Amino acid sequence: MKQFSFPRSSRILKSADFARIKSSGKVFKTRKLIFNFAGASSSRLGVIVTKKVGKAVFRNKVRRWVKHIYREGGVQYLMKSAELVLIPRTSDLSYEEVKKDFYYFAEWYNAHCDS
């Protein structure tokens, strides 16, 4: 089960960290997702899923999708370390769309951002 864990060191947990990334970081938007990010010494992920995305069961499913994508290869795909807060925009999401947008962001981030 260790391979599927999402350790505390890889998560953004404090509201002050979320606020700092939102205020001093940069924003990248796709049709389905908003990425707030800031360069960092190690990669961390935070997920905010608002009620406009859907009911609690679907919001948790979306959160699990994002964490899974990040764990299965997203963190290795981000060649430069970043603190990343991901916010889904719409309720008509699928796993494949979230994955495609995440990898699109990672490709853009690696090409355009210095860390």
PDB file of N, CA and C in Angstrom:
ATOM      1  N   MET A   1       0.807  -1.200   0.000  1.00  0.00           N
ATOM      2  CA  MET A   1       0.000   0.000   0.000  1.00  0.00           C
ATOM      3  C   MET A   1       0.850   1.265   0.000  1.00  0.00           C
ATOM      4  N   LYS A   2       2.128   1.191   0.317  1.00  0.00           N
ATOM      5  CA  LYS A   2       2.989   2.374   0.358  1.00  0.00           C
ATOM      6  C   LYS A   2       3.023   3.095  -0.976  1.00  0.00           C
ATOM      7  N   GLN A   3       2.966   2.335  -2.079  1.00  0.00           N
ATOM      8  CA  GLN A   3       3.061   2.961  -3.394  1.00  0.00           C
ATOM      9  C   GLN A   3       1.873   3.856  -3.706  1.00  0.00           C
ATOM     10  N   PHE A   4       0.755   3.658  -3.015  1.00  0.00           N
ATOM     11  CA  PHE A   4      -0.433   4.461  -3.268  1.00  0.00           C
ATOM     12  C   PHE A   4      -0.634   5.564  -2.239  1.00  0.00           C
ATOM     13  N   SER A   5       0.332   5.735  -1.349  1.00  0.00           N
ATOM     14  CA  SER A   5       0.159   6.737  -0.300  1.00  0.00           C
ATOM     15  C   SER A   5       0.405   8.147  -0.839  1.00  0.00           C
ATOM     16  N   PHE A   6      -0.140   9.107  -0.140  1.00  0.00           N
ATOM     17  CA  PHE A   6       0.036  10.519  -0.465  1.00  0.00           C
ATOM     18  C   PHE A   6       0.499  11.190   0.825  1.00  0.00           C
ATOM     19  N   PRO A   7       1.812  11.159   1.097  1.00  0.00           N
ATOM     20  CA  PRO A   7       2.327  11.583   2.405  1.00  0.00           C
ATOM     21  C   PRO A   7       2.082  13.056   2.704  1.00  0.00           C
ATOM     22  N   ARG A   8       2.056  13.394   3.974  1.00  0.00           N
ATOM     23  CA  ARG A   8       1.815  14.762   4.422  1.00  0.00           C
ATOM     24  C   ARG A   8       2.825  15.735   3.819  1.00  0.00           C
ATOM     25  N   SER A   9       4.043  15.277   3.608  1.00  0.00           N
ATOM     26  CA  SER A   9       5.077  16.156   3.047  1.00  0.00           C
ATOM     27  C   SER A   9       4.770  16.557   1.606  1.00  0.00           C
ATOM     28  N   SER A  10       3.890  15.823   0.926  1.00  0.00           N
ATOM     29  CA  SER A  10       3.526  16.131  -0.454  1.00  0.00           C
ATOM     30  C   SER A  10       2.238  16.933  -0.557  1.00  0.00           C
ATOM     31  N   ARG A  11       1.616  17.243   0.578  1.00  0.00           N
ATOM     32  CA  ARG A  11       0.325  17.938   0.575  1.00  0.00           C
ATOM     33  C   ARG A  11       0.464  19.364   1.074  1.00  0.00           C
ATOM     34  N   ILE A  12      -0.355  20.238   0.559  1.00  0.00           N
ATOM     35  CA  ILE A  12      -0.497  21.585   1.102  1.00  0.00           C
ATOM     36  C   ILE A  12      -1.700  21.516   2.031  1.00  0.00           C
ATOM     37  N   LEU A  13      -1.488  21.796   3.307  1.00  0.00           N
ATOM     38  CA  LEU A  13      -2.534  21.607   4.301  1.00  0.00           C
ATOM     39  C   LEU A  13      -2.978  22.897   4.976  1.00  0.00           C
ATOM     40  N   LYS A  14      -2.083  23.836   5.146  1.00  0.00           N
ATOM     41  CA  LYS A  14      -2.407  25.044   5.909  1.00  0.00           C
ATOM     42  C   LYS A  14      -3.060  26.097   5.029  1.00  0.00           C
ATOM     43  N   SER A  15      -4.067  26.767   5.586  1.00  0.00           N
ATOM     44  CA  SER A  15      -4.761  27.805   4.820  1.00  0.00           C
ATOM     45  C   SER A  15      -3.819  28.958   4.484  1.00  0.00           C
ATOM     46  N   ALA A  16      -2.820  29.195   5.328  1.00  0.00           N
ATOM     47  CA  ALA A  16      -1.844  30.244   5.038  1.00  0.00           C
ATOM     48  C   ALA A  16      -1.040  29.905   3.777  1.00  0.00           C
ATOM     49  N   ASP A  17      -0.738  28.632   3.581  1.00  0.00           N
ATOM     50  CA  ASP A  17      -0.017  28.215   2.371  1.00  0.00           C
ATOM     51  C   ASP A  17      -0.887  28.382   1.126  1.00  0.00           C
ATOM     52  N   PHE A  18      -2.174  28.009   1.236  1.00  0.00           N
ATOM     53  CA  PHE A  18      -3.089  28.203   0.119  1.00  0.00           C
ATOM     54  C   PHE A  18      -3.177  29.688  -0.239  1.00  0.00           C
ATOM     55  N   ALA A  19      -3.307  30.537   0.781  1.00  0.00           N
ATOM     56  CA  ALA A  19      -3.435  31.982   0.562  1.00  0.00           C
ATOM     57  C   ALA A  19      -2.157  32.563  -0.043  1.00  0.00           C
ATOM     58  N   ARG A  20      -0.998  32.116   0.426  1.00  0.00           N
ATOM     59  CA  ARG A  20       0.275  32.602  -0.098  1.00  0.00           C
ATOM     60  C   ARG A  20       0.438  32.243  -1.570  1.00  0.00           C
ATOM     61  N   ILE A  21       0.098  31.016  -1.924  1.00  0.00           N
ATOM     62  CA  ILE A  21       0.225  30.589  -3.317  1.00  0.00           C
ATOM     63  C   ILE A  21      -0.743  31.366  -4.200  1.00  0.00           C
ATOM     64  N   LYS A  22      -1.951  31.612  -3.686  1.00  0.00           N
ATOM     65  CA  LYS A  22      -2.940  32.355  -4.466  1.00  0.00           C
ATOM     66  C   LYS A  22      -2.524  33.811  -4.656  1.00  0.00           C
ATOM     67  N   SER A  23      -1.965  34.428  -3.608  1.00  0.00           N
ATOM     68  CA  SER A  23      -1.634  35.852  -3.701  1.00  0.00           C
ATOM     69  C   SER A  23      -0.305  36.112  -4.417  1.00  0.00           C
ATOM     70  N   SER A  24       0.710  35.320  -4.119  1.00  0.00           N
ATOM     71  CA  SER A  24       2.028  35.606  -4.691  1.00  0.00           C
ATOM     72  C   SER A  24       2.401  34.689  -5.851  1.00  0.00           C
ATOM     73  N   GLY A  25       1.617  33.651  -6.089  1.00  0.00           N
ATOM     74  CA  GLY A  25       1.922  32.730  -7.171  1.00  0.00           C
ATOM     75  C   GLY A  25       1.338  33.187  -8.496  1.00  0.00           C
ATOM     76  N   LYS A  26       1.392  32.314  -9.465  1.00  0.00           N
ATOM     77  CA  LYS A  26       0.856  32.583 -10.797  1.00  0.00           C
ATOM     78  C   LYS A  26      -0.337  31.673 -11.049  1.00  0.00           C
ATOM     79  N   VAL A  27      -1.088  31.995 -12.097  1.00  0.00           N
ATOM     80  CA  VAL A  27      -2.293  31.241 -12.433  1.00  0.00           C
ATOM     81  C   VAL A  27      -2.214  30.740 -13.866  1.00  0.00           C
ATOM     82  N   PHE A  28      -2.616  29.505 -14.058  1.00  0.00           N
ATOM     83  CA  PHE A  28      -2.744  28.908 -15.384  1.00  0.00           C
ATOM     84  C   PHE A  28      -4.131  28.299 -15.463  1.00  0.00           C
ATOM     85  N   LYS A  29      -4.897  28.641 -16.508  1.00  0.00           N
ATOM     86  CA  LYS A  29      -6.271  28.161 -16.610  1.00  0.00           C
ATOM     87  C   LYS A  29      -6.464  27.325 -17.864  1.00  0.00           C
ATOM     88  N   THR A  30      -7.196  26.238 -17.698  1.00  0.00           N
ATOM     89  CA  THR A  30      -7.673  25.457 -18.835  1.00  0.00           C
ATOM     90  C   THR A  30      -9.196  25.520 -18.802  1.00  0.00           C
ATOM     91  N   ARG A  31      -9.849  24.846 -19.730  1.00  0.00           N
ATOM     92  CA  ARG A  31     -11.312  24.870 -19.742  1.00  0.00           C
ATOM     93  C   ARG A  31     -11.900  24.252 -18.482  1.00  0.00           C
ATOM     94  N   LYS A  32     -11.278  23.248 -17.944  1.00  0.00           N
ATOM     95  CA  LYS A  32     -11.847  22.496 -16.823  1.00  0.00           C
ATOM     96  C   LYS A  32     -11.178  22.767 -15.478  1.00  0.00           C
ATOM     97  N   LEU A  33      -9.929  23.259 -15.471  1.00  0.00           N
ATOM     98  CA  LEU A  33      -9.164  23.383 -14.226  1.00  0.00           C
ATOM     99  C   LEU A  33      -8.470  24.736 -14.123  1.00  0.00           C
ATOM    100  N   ILE A  34      -8.240  25.155 -12.886  1.00  0.00           N
ATOM    101  CA  ILE A  34      -7.428  26.332 -12.596  1.00  0.00           C
ATOM    102  C   ILE A  34      -6.222  25.847 -11.792  1.00  0.00           C
ATOM    103  N   PHE A  35      -5.036  26.255 -12.203  1.00  0.00           N
ATOM    104  CA  PHE A  35      -3.802  25.895 -11.509  1.00  0.00           C
ATOM    105  C   PHE A  35      -3.203  27.154 -10.905  1.00  0.00           C
ATOM    106  N   ASN A  36      -3.121  27.239  -9.592  1.00  0.00           N
ATOM    107  CA  ASN A  36      -2.354  28.284  -8.916  1.00  0.00           C
ATOM    108  C   ASN A  36      -1.039  27.628  -8.533  1.00  0.00           C
ATOM    109  N   PHE A  37       0.076  28.272  -8.851  1.00  0.00           N
ATOM    110  CA  PHE A  37       1.355  27.625  -8.589  1.00  0.00           C
ATOM    111  C   PHE A  37       2.416  28.636  -8.211  1.00  0.00           C
ATOM    112  N   ALA A  38       3.399  28.141  -7.510  1.00  0.00           N
ATOM    113  CA  ALA A  38       4.572  28.930  -7.133  1.00  0.00           C
ATOM    114  C   ALA A  38       5.766  27.984  -7.117  1.00  0.00           C
ATOM    115  N   GLY A  39       6.913  28.480  -7.507  1.00  0.00           N
ATOM    116  CA  GLY A  39       8.124  27.674  -7.460  1.00  0.00           C
ATOM    117  C   GLY A  39       8.474  27.331  -6.022  1.00  0.00           C
ATOM    118  N   ALA A  40       9.103  26.204  -5.818  1.00  0.00           N
ATOM    119  CA  ALA A  40       9.439  25.750  -4.462  1.00  0.00           C
ATOM    120  C   ALA A  40      10.624  24.799  -4.522  1.00  0.00           C
ATOM    121  N   SER A  41      11.135  24.461  -3.351  1.00  0.00           N
ATOM    122  CA  SER A  41      12.257  23.525  -3.293  1.00  0.00           C
ATOM    123  C   SER A  41      11.799  22.078  -3.456  1.00  0.00           C
ATOM    124  N   SER A  42      10.536  21.791  -3.108  1.00  0.00           N
ATOM    125  CA  SER A  42       9.981  20.452  -3.313  1.00  0.00           C
ATOM    126  C   SER A  42       8.541  20.582  -3.796  1.00  0.00           C
ATOM    127  N   SER A  43       8.088  19.605  -4.548  1.00  0.00           N
ATOM    128  CA  SER A  43       6.738  19.649  -5.110  1.00  0.00           C
ATOM    129  C   SER A  43       5.699  19.276  -4.061  1.00  0.00           C
ATOM    130  N   ARG A  44       4.624  20.066  -4.010  1.00  0.00           N
ATOM    131  CA  ARG A  44       3.494  19.784  -3.115  1.00  0.00           C
ATOM    132  C   ARG A  44       2.210  20.093  -3.861  1.00  0.00           C
ATOM    133  N   LEU A  45       1.134  19.434  -3.446  1.00  0.00           N
ATOM    134  CA  LEU A  45      -0.155  19.578  -4.114  1.00  0.00           C
ATOM    135  C   LEU A  45      -1.241  19.876  -3.103  1.00  0.00           C
ATOM    136  N   GLY A  46      -2.119  20.807  -3.471  1.00  0.00           N
ATOM    137  CA  GLY A  46      -3.328  21.086  -2.716  1.00  0.00           C
ATOM    138  C   GLY A  46      -4.487  21.092  -3.690  1.00  0.00           C
ATOM    139  N   VAL A  47      -5.634  20.594  -3.253  1.00  0.00           N
ATOM    140  CA  VAL A  47      -6.800  20.514  -4.123  1.00  0.00           C
ATOM    141  C   VAL A  47      -7.968  21.214  -3.433  1.00  0.00           C
ATOM    142  N   ILE A  48      -8.627  22.111  -4.145  1.00  0.00           N
ATOM    143  CA  ILE A  48      -9.827  22.778  -3.652  1.00  0.00           C
ATOM    144  C   ILE A  48     -10.953  22.432  -4.610  1.00  0.00           C
ATOM    145  N   VAL A  49     -11.979  21.752  -4.097  1.00  0.00           N
ATOM    146  CA  VAL A  49     -13.118  21.393  -4.926  1.00  0.00           C
ATOM    147  C   VAL A  49     -14.350  22.047  -4.308  1.00  0.00           C
ATOM    148  N   THR A  50     -14.904  23.040  -5.001  1.00  0.00           N
ATOM    149  CA  THR A  50     -16.034  23.794  -4.470  1.00  0.00           C
ATOM    150  C   THR A  50     -17.353  23.073  -4.732  1.00  0.00           C
ATOM    151  N   LYS A  51     -18.397  23.543  -4.067  1.00  0.00           N
ATOM    152  CA  LYS A  51     -19.715  22.919  -4.191  1.00  0.00           C
ATOM    153  C   LYS A  51     -20.314  23.045  -5.582  1.00  0.00           C
ATOM    154  N   LYS A  52     -19.859  24.008  -6.377  1.00  0.00           N
ATOM    155  CA  LYS A  52     -20.413  24.133  -7.725  1.00  0.00           C
ATOM    156  C   LYS A  52     -19.984  22.983  -8.634  1.00  0.00           C
ATOM    157  N   VAL A  53     -18.992  22.204  -8.206  1.00  0.00           N
ATOM    158  CA  VAL A  53     -18.558  21.041  -8.975  1.00  0.00           C
ATOM    159  C   VAL A  53     -19.569  19.909  -8.857  1.00  0.00           C
ATOM    160  N   GLY A  54     -20.252  19.817  -7.727  1.00  0.00           N
ATOM    161  CA  GLY A  54     -21.246  18.759  -7.562  1.00  0.00           C
ATOM    162  C   GLY A  54     -21.443  18.408  -6.107  1.00  0.00           C
ATOM    163  N   LYS A  55     -22.136  17.314  -5.897  1.00  0.00           N
ATOM    164  CA  LYS A  55     -22.406  16.847  -4.543  1.00  0.00           C
ATOM    165  C   LYS A  55     -21.145  16.234  -3.941  1.00  0.00           C
ATOM    166  N   ALA A  56     -21.186  15.964  -2.645  1.00  0.00           N
ATOM    167  CA  ALA A  56     -20.006  15.544  -1.895  1.00  0.00           C
ATOM    168  C   ALA A  56     -19.333  14.298  -2.474  1.00  0.00           C
ATOM    169  N   VAL A  57     -20.112  13.339  -2.901  1.00  0.00           N
ATOM    170  CA  VAL A  57     -19.537  12.104  -3.436  1.00  0.00           C
ATOM    171  C   VAL A  57     -18.710  12.401  -4.687  1.00  0.00           C
ATOM    172  N   PHE A  58     -19.246  13.228  -5.584  1.00  0.00           N
ATOM    173  CA  PHE A  58     -18.517  13.563  -6.812  1.00  0.00           C
ATOM    174  C   PHE A  58     -17.311  14.439  -6.516  1.00  0.00           C
ATOM    175  N   ARG A  59     -17.439  15.382  -5.574  1.00  0.00           N
ATOM    176  CA  ARG A  59     -16.289  16.225  -5.207  1.00  0.00           C
ATOM    177  C   ARG A  59     -15.144  15.374  -4.681  1.00  0.00           C
ATOM    178  N   ASN A  60     -15.450  14.386  -3.847  1.00  0.00           N
ATOM    179  CA  ASN A  60     -14.409  13.504  -3.326  1.00  0.00           C
ATOM    180  C   ASN A  60     -13.803  12.646  -4.423  1.00  0.00           C
ATOM    181  N   LYS A  61     -14.624  12.229  -5.378  1.00  0.00           N
ATOM    182  CA  LYS A  61     -14.117  11.452  -6.512  1.00  0.00           C
ATOM    183  C   LYS A  61     -13.132  12.284  -7.325  1.00  0.00           C
ATOM    184  N   VAL A  62     -13.475  13.544  -7.576  1.00  0.00           N
ATOM    185  CA  VAL A  62     -12.583  14.441  -8.323  1.00  0.00           C
ATOM    186  C   VAL A  62     -11.279  14.635  -7.552  1.00  0.00           C
ATOM    187  N   ARG A  63     -11.365  14.817  -6.249  1.00  0.00           N
ATOM    188  CA  ARG A  63     -10.176  14.977  -5.416  1.00  0.00           C
ATOM    189  C   ARG A  63      -9.290  13.727  -5.500  1.00  0.00           C
ATOM    190  N   ARG A  64      -9.899  12.563  -5.466  1.00  0.00           N
ATOM    191  CA  ARG A  64      -9.134  11.320  -5.587  1.00  0.00           C
ATOM    192  C   ARG A  64      -8.493  11.197  -6.968  1.00  0.00           C
ATOM    193  N   TRP A  65      -9.214  11.608  -8.022  1.00  0.00           N
ATOM    194  CA  TRP A  65      -8.642  11.582  -9.371  1.00  0.00           C
ATOM    195  C   TRP A  65      -7.377  12.421  -9.439  1.00  0.00           C
ATOM    196  N   VAL A  66      -7.465  13.647  -8.904  1.00  0.00           N
ATOM    197  CA  VAL A  66      -6.322  14.570  -8.971  1.00  0.00           C
ATOM    198  C   VAL A  66      -5.138  13.989  -8.211  1.00  0.00           C
ATOM    199  N   LYS A  67      -5.375  13.482  -7.020  1.00  0.00           N
ATOM    200  CA  LYS A  67      -4.279  12.899  -6.230  1.00  0.00           C
ATOM    201  C   LYS A  67      -3.676  11.707  -6.950  1.00  0.00           C
ATOM    202  N   HIS A  68      -4.508  10.879  -7.567  1.00  0.00           N
ATOM    203  CA  HIS A  68      -4.008   9.709  -8.278  1.00  0.00           C
ATOM    204  C   HIS A  68      -3.148  10.123  -9.478  1.00  0.00           C
ATOM    205  N   ILE A  69      -3.606  11.089 -10.230  1.00  0.00           N
ATOM    206  CA  ILE A  69      -2.842  11.573 -11.386  1.00  0.00           C
ATOM    207  C   ILE A  69      -1.497  12.132 -10.931  1.00  0.00           C
ATOM    208  N   TYR A  70      -1.508  12.883  -9.843  1.00  0.00           N
ATOM    209  CA  TYR A  70      -0.286  13.461  -9.294  1.00  0.00           C
ATOM    210  C   TYR A  70       0.675  12.356  -8.858  1.00  0.00           C
ATOM    211  N   ARG A  71       0.153  11.342  -8.177  1.00  0.00           N
ATOM    212  CA  ARG A  71       0.994  10.247  -7.687  1.00  0.00           C
ATOM    213  C   ARG A  71       1.504   9.355  -8.801  1.00  0.00           C
ATOM    214  N   GLU A  72       0.651   9.013  -9.761  1.00  0.00           N
ATOM    215  CA  GLU A  72       1.034   8.011 -10.754  1.00  0.00           C
ATOM    216  C   GLU A  72       2.091   8.498 -11.728  1.00  0.00           C
ATOM    217  N   GLY A  73       2.331   9.785 -11.791  1.00  0.00           N
ATOM    218  CA  GLY A  73       3.373  10.250 -12.686  1.00  0.00           C
ATOM    219  C   GLY A  73       3.418  11.744 -12.836  1.00  0.00           C
ATOM    220  N   GLY A  74       2.427  12.415 -12.328  1.00  0.00           N
ATOM    221  CA  GLY A  74       2.391  13.860 -12.463  1.00  0.00           C
ATOM    222  C   GLY A  74       3.550  14.549 -11.788  1.00  0.00           C
ATOM    223  N   VAL A  75       3.918  14.071 -10.614  1.00  0.00           N
ATOM    224  CA  VAL A  75       5.023  14.698  -9.886  1.00  0.00           C
ATOM    225  C   VAL A  75       6.349  14.468 -10.622  1.00  0.00           C
ATOM    226  N   GLN A  76       6.515  13.326 -11.279  1.00  0.00           N
ATOM    227  CA  GLN A  76       7.734  13.093 -12.058  1.00  0.00           C
ATOM    228  C   GLN A  76       7.685  13.872 -13.370  1.00  0.00           C
ATOM    229  N   TYR A  77       6.471  14.099 -13.891  1.00  0.00           N
ATOM    230  CA  TYR A  77       6.314  14.831 -15.142  1.00  0.00           C
ATOM    231  C   TYR A  77       6.639  16.314 -14.958  1.00  0.00           C
ATOM    232  N   LEU A  78       6.399  16.833 -13.743  1.00  0.00           N
ATOM    233  CA  LEU A  78       6.812  18.201 -13.417  1.00  0.00           C
ATOM    234  C   LEU A  78       8.313  18.159 -13.157  1.00  0.00           C
ATOM    235  N   MET A  79       9.102  18.555 -14.126  1.00  0.00           N
ATOM    236  CA  MET A  79      10.557  18.451 -13.979  1.00  0.00           C
ATOM    237  C   MET A  79      11.098  19.473 -12.997  1.00  0.00           C
ATOM    238  N   LYS A  80      10.390  20.586 -12.822  1.00  0.00           N
ATOM    239  CA  LYS A  80      10.781  21.622 -11.877  1.00  0.00           C
ATOM    240  C   LYS A  80       9.819  21.573 -10.699  1.00  0.00           C
ATOM    241  N   SER A  81      10.324  21.731  -9.512  1.00  0.00           N
ATOM    242  CA  SER A  81       9.480  21.658  -8.316  1.00  0.00           C
ATOM    243  C   SER A  81       8.515  22.832  -8.263  1.00  0.00           C
ATOM    244  N   ALA A  82       7.304  22.546  -7.774  1.00  0.00           N
ATOM    245  CA  ALA A  82       6.284  23.589  -7.669  1.00  0.00           C
ATOM    246  C   ALA A  82       5.308  23.255  -6.558  1.00  0.00           C
ATOM    247  N   GLU A  83       4.819  24.293  -5.900  1.00  0.00           N
ATOM    248  CA  GLU A  83       3.683  24.146  -5.008  1.00  0.00           C
ATOM    249  C   GLU A  83       2.473  24.442  -5.874  1.00  0.00           C
ATOM    250  N   LEU A  84       1.559  23.519  -5.936  1.00  0.00           N
ATOM    251  CA  LEU A  84       0.461  23.581  -6.892  1.00  0.00           C
ATOM    252  C   LEU A  84      -0.874  23.435  -6.176  1.00  0.00           C
ATOM    253  N   VAL A  85      -1.769  24.391  -6.422  1.00  0.00           N
ATOM    254  CA  VAL A  85      -3.140  24.305  -5.929  1.00  0.00           C
ATOM    255  C   VAL A  85      -4.033  24.169  -7.151  1.00  0.00           C
ATOM    256  N   LEU A  86      -4.764  23.079  -7.209  1.00  0.00           N
ATOM    257  CA  LEU A  86      -5.596  22.776  -8.357  1.00  0.00           C
ATOM    258  C   LEU A  86      -7.065  22.950  -7.987  1.00  0.00           C
ATOM    259  N   ILE A  87      -7.815  23.677  -8.821  1.00  0.00           N
ATOM    260  CA  ILE A  87      -9.228  23.954  -8.558  1.00  0.00           C
ATOM    261  C   ILE A  87     -10.035  23.577  -9.800  1.00  0.00           C
ATOM    262  N   PRO A  88     -10.902  22.555  -9.713  1.00  0.00           N
ATOM    263  CA  PRO A  88     -11.788  22.245 -10.833  1.00  0.00           C
ATOM    264  C   PRO A  88     -12.813  23.358 -11.033  1.00  0.00           C
ATOM    265  N   ARG A  89     -13.137  23.672 -12.293  1.00  0.00           N
ATOM    266  CA  ARG A  89     -14.039  24.777 -12.600  1.00  0.00           C
ATOM    267  C   ARG A  89     -15.471  24.338 -12.860  1.00  0.00           C
ATOM    268  N   THR A  90     -15.665  23.148 -13.397  1.00  0.00           N
ATOM    269  CA  THR A  90     -16.992  22.743 -13.849  1.00  0.00           C
ATOM    270  C   THR A  90     -17.414  21.411 -13.259  1.00  0.00           C
ATOM    271  N   SER A  91     -18.683  21.082 -13.432  1.00  0.00           N
ATOM    272  CA  SER A  91     -19.196  19.824 -12.898  1.00  0.00           C
ATOM    273  C   SER A  91     -19.155  18.698 -13.933  1.00  0.00           C
ATOM    274  N   ASP A  92     -18.910  19.021 -15.187  1.00  0.00           N
ATOM    275  CA  ASP A  92     -18.886  17.984 -16.221  1.00  0.00           C
ATOM    276  C   ASP A  92     -17.454  17.517 -16.472  1.00  0.00           C
ATOM    277  N   LEU A  93     -16.870  16.904 -15.452  1.00  0.00           N
ATOM    278  CA  LEU A  93     -15.490  16.430 -15.510  1.00  0.00           C
ATOM    279  C   LEU A  93     -15.446  14.928 -15.736  1.00  0.00           C
ATOM    280  N   SER A  94     -14.400  14.480 -16.361  1.00  0.00           N
ATOM    281  CA  SER A  94     -14.103  13.054 -16.435  1.00  0.00           C
ATOM    282  C   SER A  94     -12.627  12.878 -16.060  1.00  0.00           C
ATOM    283  N   TYR A  95     -12.282  11.670 -15.687  1.00  0.00           N
ATOM    284  CA  TYR A  95     -10.903  11.376 -15.297  1.00  0.00           C
ATOM    285  C   TYR A  95      -9.941  11.723 -16.428  1.00  0.00           C
ATOM    286  N   GLU A  96     -10.287  11.344 -17.642  1.00  0.00           N
ATOM    287  CA  GLU A  96      -9.401  11.589 -18.785  1.00  0.00           C
ATOM    288  C   GLU A  96      -9.198  13.083 -19.035  1.00  0.00           C
ATOM    289  N   GLU A  97     -10.239  13.892 -18.866  1.00  0.00           N
ATOM    290  CA  GLU A  97     -10.100  15.334 -19.058  1.00  0.00           C
ATOM    291  C   GLU A  97      -9.190  15.948 -18.004  1.00  0.00           C
ATOM    292  N   VAL A  98      -9.355  15.515 -16.763  1.00  0.00           N
ATOM    293  CA  VAL A  98      -8.509  16.021 -15.678  1.00  0.00           C
ATOM    294  C   VAL A  98      -7.059  15.634 -15.938  1.00  0.00           C
ATOM    295  N   LYS A  99      -6.836  14.404 -16.333  1.00  0.00           N
ATOM    296  CA  LYS A  99      -5.480  13.921 -16.615  1.00  0.00           C
ATOM    297  C   LYS A  99      -4.854  14.694 -17.779  1.00  0.00           C
ATOM    298  N   LYS A 100      -5.617  14.895 -18.850  1.00  0.00           N
ATOM    299  CA  LYS A 100      -5.118  15.613 -20.020  1.00  0.00           C
ATOM    300  C   LYS A 100      -4.741  17.043 -19.647  1.00  0.00           C
ATOM    301  N   ASP A 101      -5.600  17.725 -18.886  1.00  0.00           N
ATOM    302  CA  ASP A 101      -5.321  19.101 -18.479  1.00  0.00           C
ATOM    303  C   ASP A 101      -4.120  19.174 -17.544  1.00  0.00           C
ATOM    304  N   PHE A 102      -3.988  18.195 -16.632  1.00  0.00           N
ATOM    305  CA  PHE A 102      -2.849  18.194 -15.718  1.00  0.00           C
ATOM    306  C   PHE A 102      -1.538  18.055 -16.487  1.00  0.00           C
ATOM    307  N   TYR A 103      -1.494  17.119 -17.428  1.00  0.00           N
ATOM    308  CA  TYR A 103      -0.268  16.923 -18.201  1.00  0.00           C
ATOM    309  C   TYR A 103       0.005  18.095 -19.149  1.00  0.00           C
ATOM    310  N   TYR A 104      -1.044  18.727 -19.632  1.00  0.00           N
ATOM    311  CA  TYR A 104      -0.875  19.933 -20.452  1.00  0.00           C
ATOM    312  C   TYR A 104      -0.231  21.046 -19.626  1.00  0.00           C
ATOM    313  N   PHE A 105      -0.722  21.227 -18.388  1.00  0.00           N
ATOM    314  CA  PHE A 105      -0.121  22.218 -17.496  1.00  0.00           C
ATOM    315  C   PHE A 105       1.336  21.870 -17.203  1.00  0.00           C
ATOM    316  N   ALA A 106       1.622  20.606 -16.893  1.00  0.00           N
ATOM    317  CA  ALA A 106       2.988  20.192 -16.566  1.00  0.00           C
ATOM    318  C   ALA A 106       3.937  20.473 -17.731  1.00  0.00           C
ATOM    319  N   GLU A 107       3.480  20.198 -18.929  1.00  0.00           N
ATOM    320  CA  GLU A 107       4.304  20.463 -20.110  1.00  0.00           C
ATOM    321  C   GLU A 107       4.563  21.964 -20.260  1.00  0.00           C
ATOM    322  N   TRP A 108       3.517  22.764 -20.092  1.00  0.00           N
ATOM    323  CA  TRP A 108       3.654  24.217 -20.174  1.00  0.00           C
ATOM    324  C   TRP A 108       4.585  24.733 -19.080  1.00  0.00           C
ATOM    325  N   TYR A 109       4.404  24.247 -17.847  1.00  0.00           N
ATOM    326  CA  TYR A 109       5.201  24.696 -16.709  1.00  0.00           C
ATOM    327  C   TYR A 109       6.683  24.392 -16.931  1.00  0.00           C
ATOM    328  N   ASN A 110       6.980  23.206 -17.404  1.00  0.00           N
ATOM    329  CA  ASN A 110       8.371  22.831 -17.644  1.00  0.00           C
ATOM    330  C   ASN A 110       9.014  23.705 -18.722  1.00  0.00           C
ATOM    331  N   ALA A 111       8.235  24.145 -19.685  1.00  0.00           N
ATOM    332  CA  ALA A 111       8.776  24.944 -20.784  1.00  0.00           C
ATOM    333  C   ALA A 111       8.903  26.414 -20.431  1.00  0.00           C
ATOM    334  N   HIS A 112       8.028  26.947 -19.575  1.00  0.00           N
ATOM    335  CA  HIS A 112       7.961  28.392 -19.372  1.00  0.00           C
ATOM    336  C   HIS A 112       8.402  28.916 -18.008  1.00  0.00           C
ATOM    337  N   CYS A 113       8.466  28.096 -17.019  1.00  0.00           N
ATOM    338  CA  CYS A 113       8.747  28.604 -15.669  1.00  0.00           C
ATOM    339  C   CYS A 113      10.137  28.194 -15.206  1.00  0.00           C
ATOM    340  N   ASP A 114      10.789  29.139 -14.558  1.00  0.00           N
ATOM    341  CA  ASP A 114      12.117  28.885 -13.991  1.00  0.00           C
ATOM    342  C   ASP A 114      11.951  28.544 -12.525  1.00  0.00           C
ATOM    343  N   SER A 115      12.721  27.563 -12.085  1.00  0.00           N
ATOM    344  CA  SER A 115      12.671  27.167 -10.685  1.00  0.00           C
ATOM    345  C   SER A 115      14.057  26.973 -10.138  1.00  0.00           C
TER     346      SER A 115
END
